[in-house]
C-alpha atoms as a PDB file:
ATOM      1  CA  MET A   1     -37.215   3.868   8.648  1.00  0.00           C
ATOM      2  CA  ASP A   2     -35.729   6.481  11.000  1.00  0.00           C
ATOM      3  CA  SER A   3     -33.213   9.193  10.098  1.00  0.00           C
ATOM      4  CA  SER A   4     -30.422   7.266  11.810  1.00  0.00           C
ATOM      5  CA  ASN A   5     -30.802   4.343   9.408  1.00  0.00           C
ATOM      6  CA  LEU A   6     -31.088   6.688   6.443  1.00  0.00           C
ATOM      7  CA  GLY A   7     -27.847   8.430   7.425  1.00  0.00           C
ATOM      8  CA  GLU A   8     -26.039   5.129   7.892  1.00  0.00           C
ATOM      9  CA  GLN A   9     -27.279   3.827   4.548  1.00  0.00           C
ATOM     10  CA  ALA A  10     -26.279   6.978   2.666  1.00  0.00           C
ATOM     11  CA  ILE A  11     -22.691   7.071   3.876  1.00  0.00           C
ATOM     12  CA  SER A  12     -22.381   3.270   3.686  1.00  0.00           C
ATOM     13  CA  LYS A  13     -23.337   3.432   0.009  1.00  0.00           C
ATOM     14  CA  ALA A  14     -20.888   6.280  -0.607  1.00  0.00           C
ATOM     15  CA  ALA A  15     -18.078   4.271   1.001  1.00  0.00           C
ATOM     16  CA  GLU A  16     -19.065   1.191  -1.012  1.00  0.00           C
ATOM     17  CA  LEU A  17     -18.925   3.079  -4.314  1.00  0.00           C
ATOM     18  CA  GLY A  18     -15.561   4.558  -3.368  1.00  0.00           C
ATOM     19  CA  LEU A  19     -14.103   1.141  -2.629  1.00  0.00           C
ATOM     20  CA  GLU A  20     -15.513  -0.351  -5.834  1.00  0.00           C
ATOM     21  CA  SER A  21     -13.794   2.383  -7.839  1.00  0.00           C
ATOM     22  CA  GLN A  22     -10.429   1.080  -6.557  1.00  0.00           C
ATOM     23  CA  LEU A  23     -11.015  -2.498  -7.733  1.00  0.00           C
ATOM     24  CA  ASP A  24     -10.687  -4.067 -11.168  1.00  0.00           C
ATOM     25  CA  ASP A  25     -13.676  -6.300 -10.480  1.00  0.00           C
ATOM     26  CA  VAL A  26     -15.889  -7.323  -7.560  1.00  0.00           C
ATOM     27  CA  GLU A  27     -18.513 -10.043  -7.156  1.00  0.00           C
ATOM     28  CA  ASN A  28     -19.960  -8.823  -3.878  1.00  0.00           C
ATOM     29  CA  LEU A  29     -19.158  -5.870  -1.630  1.00  0.00           C
ATOM     30  CA  ASP A  30     -20.992  -4.641   1.429  1.00  0.00           C
ATOM     31  CA  VAL A  31     -20.020  -1.686   3.611  1.00  0.00           C
ATOM     32  CA  ASP A  32     -21.833  -1.338   6.913  1.00  0.00           C
ATOM     33  CA  ILE A  33     -21.313   1.941   8.786  1.00  0.00           C
ATOM     34  CA  ARG A  34     -22.754   2.301  12.260  1.00  0.00           C
ATOM     35  CA  THR A  35     -23.487   5.699  13.753  1.00  0.00           C
ATOM     36  CA  ASN A  36     -26.371   7.831  15.023  1.00  0.00           C
ATOM     37  CA  PRO A  37     -27.541  11.337  14.072  1.00  0.00           C
ATOM     38  CA  LEU A  38     -25.940  13.024  17.083  1.00  0.00           C
ATOM     39  CA  ASP A  39     -22.563  11.353  16.619  1.00  0.00           C
ATOM     40  CA  LEU A  40     -22.703  12.064  12.897  1.00  0.00           C
ATOM     41  CA  MET A  41     -23.328  15.760  13.542  1.00  0.00           C
ATOM     42  CA  GLN A  42     -20.273  15.746  15.809  1.00  0.00           C
ATOM     43  CA  GLY A  43     -18.135  14.042  13.190  1.00  0.00           C
ATOM     44  CA  GLN A  44     -18.048  10.572  14.719  1.00  0.00           C
ATOM     45  CA  ILE A  45     -18.708   7.130  13.249  1.00  0.00           C
ATOM     46  CA  ASP A  46     -18.959   4.237  15.698  1.00  0.00           C
ATOM     47  CA  SER A  47     -17.648   1.487  13.413  1.00  0.00           C
ATOM     48  CA  VAL A  48     -17.131   0.419   9.815  1.00  0.00           C
ATOM     49  CA  SER A  49     -17.362  -3.147   8.536  1.00  0.00           C
ATOM     50  CA  VAL A  50     -16.345  -4.097   4.984  1.00  0.00           C
ATOM     51  CA  LYS A  51     -17.163  -7.532   3.585  1.00  0.00           C
ATOM     52  CA  GLY A  52     -16.195  -8.484   0.063  1.00  0.00           C
ATOM     53  CA  GLU A  53     -16.053 -11.632  -2.074  1.00  0.00           C
ATOM     54  CA  GLY A  54     -14.356 -12.140  -5.409  1.00  0.00           C
ATOM     55  CA  LEU A  55     -12.406  -8.870  -5.430  1.00  0.00           C
ATOM     56  CA  VAL A  56      -9.849  -8.504  -8.217  1.00  0.00           C
ATOM     57  CA  MET A  57      -6.897  -6.393  -7.123  1.00  0.00           C
ATOM     58  CA  GLN A  58      -3.690  -5.278  -8.805  1.00  0.00           C
ATOM     59  CA  LYS A  59      -1.756  -7.695 -11.052  1.00  0.00           C
ATOM     60  CA  GLU A  60      -4.991  -9.584 -11.767  1.00  0.00           C
ATOM     61  CA  LEU A  61      -5.002 -11.135  -8.299  1.00  0.00           C
ATOM     62  CA  ARG A  62      -8.421 -12.211  -7.033  1.00  0.00           C
ATOM     63  CA  ALA A  63      -9.195 -12.346  -3.325  1.00  0.00           C
ATOM     64  CA  GLU A  64     -11.793 -14.940  -2.379  1.00  0.00           C
ATOM     65  CA  LYS A  65     -12.636 -12.977   0.744  1.00  0.00           C
ATOM     66  CA  LEU A  66     -11.796  -9.546   2.179  1.00  0.00           C
ATOM     67  CA  ARG A  67     -12.781  -8.271   5.609  1.00  0.00           C
ATOM     68  CA  ILE A  68     -11.996  -4.877   7.149  1.00  0.00           C
ATOM     69  CA  GLU A  69     -13.180  -3.873  10.615  1.00  0.00           C
ATOM     70  CA  THR A  70     -12.662  -0.535  12.363  1.00  0.00           C
ATOM     71  CA  SER A  71     -13.815   1.016  15.609  1.00  0.00           C
ATOM     72  CA  GLY A  72     -14.535   4.751  16.036  1.00  0.00           C
ATOM     73  CA  ILE A  73     -13.667   7.117  13.163  1.00  0.00           C
ATOM     74  CA  ALA A  74     -13.459  10.909  13.103  1.00  0.00           C
ATOM     75  CA  ILE A  75     -14.951  12.465   9.955  1.00  0.00           C
ATOM     76  CA  ASP A  76     -15.881  15.840   8.498  1.00  0.00           C
ATOM     77  CA  SER A  77     -19.508  16.181   9.615  1.00  0.00           C
ATOM     78  CA  VAL A  78     -20.434  18.789   6.980  1.00  0.00           C
ATOM     79  CA  LYS A  79     -19.270  16.599   4.103  1.00  0.00           C
ATOM     80  CA  ALA A  80     -20.835  13.519   5.715  1.00  0.00           C
ATOM     81  CA  ALA A  81     -24.210  15.268   5.593  1.00  0.00           C
ATOM     82  CA  MET A  82     -23.792  15.301   1.799  1.00  0.00           C
ATOM     83  CA  GLY A  83     -22.889  11.610   1.702  1.00  0.00           C
ATOM     84  CA  ASN A  84     -19.145  12.197   1.432  1.00  0.00           C
ATOM     85  CA  ILE A  85     -16.882  10.543   4.016  1.00  0.00           C
ATOM     86  CA  GLU A  86     -13.667  12.424   4.686  1.00  0.00           C
ATOM     87  CA  LEU A  87     -11.528  11.430   7.648  1.00  0.00           C
ATOM     88  CA  THR A  88     -10.157  14.201   9.864  1.00  0.00           C
ATOM     89  CA  GLN A  89      -7.543  11.847  11.314  1.00  0.00           C
ATOM     90  CA  THR A  90      -6.156   8.420  10.461  1.00  0.00           C
ATOM     91  CA  THR A  91      -7.846   5.374  11.905  1.00  0.00           C
ATOM     92  CA  ASP A  92      -6.676   1.839  12.618  1.00  0.00           C
ATOM     93  CA  ALA A  93      -8.392  -1.270  11.310  1.00  0.00           C
ATOM     94  CA  ARG A  94      -8.009  -5.027  11.126  1.00  0.00           C
ATOM     95  CA  MET A  95      -7.931  -6.714   7.741  1.00  0.00           C
ATOM     96  CA  LEU A  96      -8.393 -10.326   6.671  1.00  0.00           C
ATOM     97  CA  VAL A  97      -7.645 -11.579   3.141  1.00  0.00           C
ATOM     98  CA  VAL A  98      -8.292 -15.133   1.948  1.00  0.00           C
ATOM     99  CA  LEU A  99      -6.590 -16.263  -1.263  1.00  0.00           C
ATOM    100  CA  LYS A 100      -7.391 -19.511  -3.048  1.00  0.00           C
ATOM    101  CA  GLU A 101      -4.806 -21.597  -4.836  1.00  0.00           C
ATOM    102  CA  GLU A 102      -6.570 -21.383  -8.200  1.00  0.00           C
ATOM    103  CA  ASP A 103      -6.647 -17.575  -8.055  1.00  0.00           C
ATOM    104  CA  LEU A 104      -2.921 -17.388  -7.260  1.00  0.00           C
ATOM    105  CA  GLN A 105      -2.347 -19.816 -10.117  1.00  0.00           C
ATOM    106  CA  LYS A 106      -4.278 -17.560 -12.476  1.00  0.00           C
ATOM    107  CA  ALA A 107      -2.334 -14.486 -11.352  1.00  0.00           C
ATOM    108  CA  PHE A 108       0.921 -16.345 -11.976  1.00  0.00           C
ATOM    109  CA  ASN A 109      -0.059 -16.941 -15.582  1.00  0.00           C
ATOM    110  CA  SER A 110      -1.338 -13.417 -16.194  1.00  0.00           C
ATOM    111  CA  GLU A 111       0.232 -11.496 -19.062  1.00  0.00           C
ATOM    112  CA  TYR A 112       2.092  -9.256 -16.601  1.00  0.00           C
ATOM    113  CA  ILE A 113       3.940 -12.109 -14.882  1.00  0.00           C
ATOM    114  CA  LYS A 114       4.377 -14.251 -18.010  1.00  0.00           C
ATOM    115  CA  ALA A 115       6.092 -11.375 -19.796  1.00  0.00           C
ATOM    116  CA  LYS A 116       8.686 -11.194 -17.010  1.00  0.00           C
ATOM    117  CA  LEU A 117       9.466 -14.911 -17.301  1.00  0.00           C
ATOM    118  CA  GLN A 118       9.622 -15.195 -21.085  1.00  0.00           C
ATOM    119  CA  SER A 119      13.063 -13.687 -21.616  1.00  0.00           C
ATOM    120  CA  LEU A 120      15.639 -14.484 -18.955  1.00  0.00           C
ATOM    121  CA  GLU A 121      19.395 -14.862 -19.079  1.00  0.00           C
ATOM    122  CA  VAL A 122      20.747 -17.211 -16.445  1.00  0.00           C
ATOM    123  CA  GLU A 123      23.967 -19.096 -15.815  1.00  0.00           C
ATOM    124  CA  CYS A 124      23.871 -22.768 -16.789  1.00  0.00           C
ATOM    125  CA  ASP A 125      26.964 -24.953 -16.452  1.00  0.00           C
ATOM    126  CA  GLY A 126      29.223 -21.924 -16.103  1.00  0.00           C
ATOM    127  CA  LYS A 127      27.910 -19.923 -19.056  1.00  0.00           C
ATOM    128  CA  LYS A 128      25.058 -17.549 -19.733  1.00  0.00           C
ATOM    129  CA  GLU A 129      22.026 -18.995 -21.418  1.00  0.00           C
ATOM    130  CA  ASN A 130      18.635 -17.700 -22.504  1.00  0.00           C
ATOM    131  CA  VAL A 131      15.647 -19.415 -20.919  1.00  0.00           C
ATOM    132  CA  LYS A 132      11.879 -19.105 -20.988  1.00  0.00           C
ATOM    133  CA  ILE A 133       9.664 -20.191 -18.130  1.00  0.00           C
ATOM    134  CA  ASP A 134       6.202 -21.451 -19.060  1.00  0.00           C
ATOM    135  CA  GLU A 135       3.084 -22.497 -17.187  1.00  0.00           C
ATOM    136  CA  VAL A 136       4.093 -21.964 -13.594  1.00  0.00           C
ATOM    137  CA  LYS A 137       2.028 -24.096 -11.213  1.00  0.00           C
ATOM    138  CA  PHE A 138       1.465 -22.625  -7.758  1.00  0.00           C
ATOM    139  CA  SER A 139       0.361 -24.896  -4.912  1.00  0.00           C
ATOM    140  CA  LEU A 140      -0.608 -24.199  -1.306  1.00  0.00           C
ATOM    141  CA  LEU A 141       0.500 -27.298   0.571  1.00  0.00           C
ATOM    142  CA  GLY A 142      -0.840 -28.825   3.740  1.00  0.00           C
ATOM    143  CA  ASP A 143       2.480 -28.496   5.600  1.00  0.00           C
ATOM    144  CA  GLY A 144       2.406 -24.685   5.586  1.00  0.00           C
ATOM    145  CA  LYS A 145       4.639 -24.399   2.513  1.00  0.00           C
ATOM    146  CA  VAL A 146       4.038 -23.364  -1.074  1.00  0.00           C
ATOM    147  CA  GLY A 147       4.972 -25.427  -4.092  1.00  0.00           C
ATOM    148  CA  LEU A 148       6.155 -24.019  -7.398  1.00  0.00           C
ATOM    149  CA  SER A 149       6.798 -25.939 -10.588  1.00  0.00           C
ATOM    150  CA  ALA A 150       7.322 -24.901 -14.200  1.00  0.00           C
ATOM    151  CA  ASP A 151       8.580 -25.949 -17.592  1.00  0.00           C
ATOM    152  CA  VAL A 152      11.898 -24.302 -18.424  1.00  0.00           C
ATOM    153  CA  LEU A 153      12.869 -23.936 -22.082  1.00  0.00           C
ATOM    154  CA  LEU A 154      16.645 -23.765 -22.579  1.00  0.00           C
ATOM    155  CA  VAL A 155      16.529 -21.665 -25.737  1.00  0.00           C
ATOM    156  CA  ASP A 156      20.135 -22.068 -26.877  1.00  0.00           C
ATOM    157  CA  ARG A 157      20.061 -25.839 -26.385  1.00  0.00           C
ATOM    158  CA  HIS A 158      16.571 -26.295 -27.853  1.00  0.00           C
ATOM    159  CA  SER A 159      15.709 -28.472 -24.873  1.00  0.00           C
ATOM    160  CA  GLN A 160      13.254 -28.371 -22.006  1.00  0.00           C
ATOM    161  CA  GLU A 161      13.557 -29.135 -18.311  1.00  0.00           C
ATOM    162  CA  SER A 162      11.032 -29.188 -15.501  1.00  0.00           C
ATOM    163  CA  ILE A 163      11.802 -27.403 -12.255  1.00  0.00           C
ATOM    164  CA  SER A 164       9.996 -28.015  -8.992  1.00  0.00           C
ATOM    165  CA  LEU A 165      10.551 -26.540  -5.538  1.00  0.00           C
ATOM    166  CA  THR A 166       8.920 -25.851  -2.210  1.00  0.00           C
ATOM    167  CA  ALA A 167       9.384 -22.761  -0.041  1.00  0.00           C
ATOM    168  CA  LEU A 168       8.247 -21.452   3.310  1.00  0.00           C
ATOM    169  CA  PRO A 169       6.294 -18.136   3.272  1.00  0.00           C
ATOM    170  CA  THR A 170       7.445 -15.678   5.946  1.00  0.00           C
ATOM    171  CA  ILE A 171       6.643 -12.057   6.768  1.00  0.00           C
ATOM    172  CA  ASP A 172       9.383  -9.463   6.213  1.00  0.00           C
ATOM    173  CA  ASN A 173      10.482  -7.087   8.984  1.00  0.00           C
ATOM    174  CA  GLU A 174       8.276  -4.249   7.705  1.00  0.00           C
ATOM    175  CA  GLY A 175       5.232  -6.499   7.496  1.00  0.00           C
ATOM    176  CA  SER A 176       4.522  -5.349   3.947  1.00  0.00           C
ATOM    177  CA  CYS A 177       5.737  -8.363   1.979  1.00  0.00           C
ATOM    178  CA  ILE A 178       5.637 -12.129   2.080  1.00  0.00           C
ATOM    179  CA  ASN A 179       9.033 -13.693   1.402  1.00  0.00           C
ATOM    180  CA  LEU A 180       9.576 -17.273   0.266  1.00  0.00           C
ATOM    181  CA  GLU A 181      12.483 -18.850   2.127  1.00  0.00           C
ATOM    182  CA  SER A 182      14.002 -22.286   2.818  1.00  0.00           C
ATOM    183  CA  VAL A 183      13.773 -23.300  -0.864  1.00  0.00           C
ATOM    184  CA  GLU A 184      14.033 -27.052  -1.368  1.00  0.00           C
ATOM    185  CA  TYR A 185      14.126 -29.191  -4.511  1.00  0.00           C
ATOM    186  CA  PRO A 186      12.942 -32.792  -4.874  1.00  0.00           C
ATOM    187  CA  GLU A 187      15.794 -35.265  -4.883  1.00  0.00           C
ATOM    188  CA  ASN A 188      17.462 -35.702  -8.292  1.00  0.00           C
ATOM    189  CA  ALA A 189      15.303 -32.954  -9.834  1.00  0.00           C
ATOM    190  CA  TYR A 190      16.552 -30.269 -12.207  1.00  0.00           C
ATOM    191  CA  SER A 191      17.598 -27.188 -10.259  1.00  0.00           C
ATOM    192  CA  ASN A 192      19.082 -23.848 -11.194  1.00  0.00           C
ATOM    193  CA  THR A 193      19.293 -21.148  -8.531  1.00  0.00           C
ATOM    194  CA  GLU A 194      18.807 -18.292 -11.012  1.00  0.00           C
ATOM    195  CA  VAL A 195      15.750 -19.900 -12.599  1.00  0.00           C
ATOM    196  CA  ALA A 196      14.359 -20.663  -9.151  1.00  0.00           C
ATOM    197  CA  LYS A 197      15.037 -17.085  -8.036  1.00  0.00           C
ATOM    198  CA  ALA A 198      13.079 -15.693 -11.012  1.00  0.00           C
ATOM    199  CA  ILE A 199      10.093 -17.901 -10.172  1.00  0.00           C
ATOM    200  CA  VAL A 200      10.281 -17.122  -6.444  1.00  0.00           C
ATOM    201  CA  ASN A 201      10.592 -13.372  -7.124  1.00  0.00           C
ATOM    202  CA  SER A 202       7.445 -13.492  -9.245  1.00  0.00           C
ATOM    203  CA  ALA A 203       5.603 -15.349  -6.485  1.00  0.00           C
ATOM    204  CA  GLU A 204       6.717 -12.767  -3.927  1.00  0.00           C
ATOM    205  CA  GLU A 205       5.529  -9.988  -6.223  1.00  0.00           C
ATOM    206  CA  ILE A 206       2.075 -11.542  -6.442  1.00  0.00           C
ATOM    207  CA  LEU A 207       1.985 -12.078  -2.670  1.00  0.00           C
ATOM    208  CA  ASP A 208       3.105  -8.524  -1.909  1.00  0.00           C
ATOM    209  CA  LEU A 209       0.365  -7.270   0.395  1.00  0.00           C
ATOM    210  CA  ARG A 210       0.690  -3.811  -1.124  1.00  0.00           C
ATOM    211  CA  ASN A 211      -1.371  -5.253  -3.981  1.00  0.00           C
ATOM    212  CA  PHE A 212      -4.293  -5.037  -1.546  1.00  0.00           C
ATOM    213  CA  GLU A 213      -3.641  -1.487  -0.425  1.00  0.00           C
ATOM    214  CA  LEU A 214      -5.976   1.223  -1.584  1.00  0.00           C
ATOM    215  CA  ASP A 215      -4.670   4.707  -2.370  1.00  0.00           C
ATOM    216  CA  THR A 216      -5.569   5.842   1.139  1.00  0.00           C
ATOM    217  CA  MET A 217      -4.451   2.777   3.097  1.00  0.00           C
ATOM    218  CA  SER A 218      -1.248   1.130   4.299  1.00  0.00           C
ATOM    219  CA  LEU A 219      -0.994  -2.414   5.636  1.00  0.00           C
ATOM    220  CA  ARG A 220       1.217  -4.419   7.961  1.00  0.00           C
ATOM    221  CA  VAL A 221       0.958  -8.220   7.959  1.00  0.00           C
ATOM    222  CA  ARG A 222       0.505  -9.799  11.393  1.00  0.00           C
ATOM    223  CA  LYS A 223      -0.100 -13.435  10.575  1.00  0.00           C
ATOM    224  CA  LEU A 224      -0.025 -15.958   7.737  1.00  0.00           C
ATOM    225  CA  ASN A 225      -1.867 -19.249   7.655  1.00  0.00           C
ATOM    226  CA  VAL A 226      -1.197 -21.662   4.797  1.00  0.00           C
ATOM    227  CA  LYS A 227      -3.557 -24.595   4.478  1.00  0.00           C
ATOM    228  CA  LEU A 228      -4.156 -26.981   1.622  1.00  0.00           C
ATOM    229  CA  GLY A 229      -5.458 -24.822  -1.232  1.00  0.00           C
ATOM    230  CA  LYS A 230      -5.930 -21.657   0.846  1.00  0.00           C
ATOM    231  CA  LEU A 231      -3.806 -18.787   2.192  1.00  0.00           C
ATOM    232  CA  THR A 232      -5.174 -16.510   4.912  1.00  0.00           C
ATOM    233  CA  ILE A 233      -3.481 -13.181   5.656  1.00  0.00           C
ATOM    234  CA  GLU A 234      -4.251 -11.108   8.746  1.00  0.00           C
ATOM    235  CA  ALA A 235      -3.014  -7.521   8.776  1.00  0.00           C
ATOM    236  CA  ASP A 236      -3.247  -4.220  10.575  1.00  0.00           C
ATOM    237  CA  ALA A 237      -4.403  -1.352   8.375  1.00  0.00           C
ATOM    238  CA  GLU A 238      -3.916   2.373   8.733  1.00  0.00           C
ATOM    239  CA  ILE A 239      -6.651   4.208   6.842  1.00  0.00           C
ATOM    240  CA  ARG A 240      -5.914   7.826   5.990  1.00  0.00           C
ATOM    241  CA  ASP A 241      -9.207   8.422   4.186  1.00  0.00           C
ATOM    242  CA  PHE A 242     -12.003   6.624   2.379  1.00  0.00           C
ATOM    243  CA  PRO A 243     -11.577   6.389  -1.398  1.00  0.00           C
ATOM    244  CA  GLN A 244     -14.004   8.527  -3.360  1.00  0.00           C
ATOM    245  CA  ALA A 245     -15.940   7.246  -6.351  1.00  0.00           C
END
């Protein structure tokens, strides 16, 4: 094995460990850095490719797949020689995230989100009423929409209703968040705009792409693709530095 491969492997492993330190859990992560000894001595990396599966991010959200691709990167050559990657200027990258319906469902019923939905005060029939929202079901539909349904406990009335709605995911102007718009309810179904808003807000919080940002990265969504059971997000990334383990 030549020195070029050894140098690539050393800094690839350092980058991999740094990325792993930013995640709550990871099933598989591979960082492939391409360079050569001369470029490395001059502080240049030709490209970086990150491939990950089963990465658990903030708010207990699991990504089925994560891909990051960059072109040339400027680094501190002295620190790189010691296996430490430090960028000397920001670099642009492309990012792909694939989310599965069952993982979004699990995130929706995490303790963090459930706590937010367990004690709400909403207006029902012209007066304030305490409600609890249980067991939210999140669906990725084949028509490009998302479906949300939940049991709603009307605490003061000691009764329960079921709410169901569909919404269209769109990208906000800043490209940092996914908004759910064009909310529709099935005909003759129970509906309450404040209850629906609480559920939709929680969904938007889970889908906030900033959940996938590392400490040294910012993202801008370019494209969404909703298919049955799967959501694919394509984004531009600005990387200020590589995370350190």
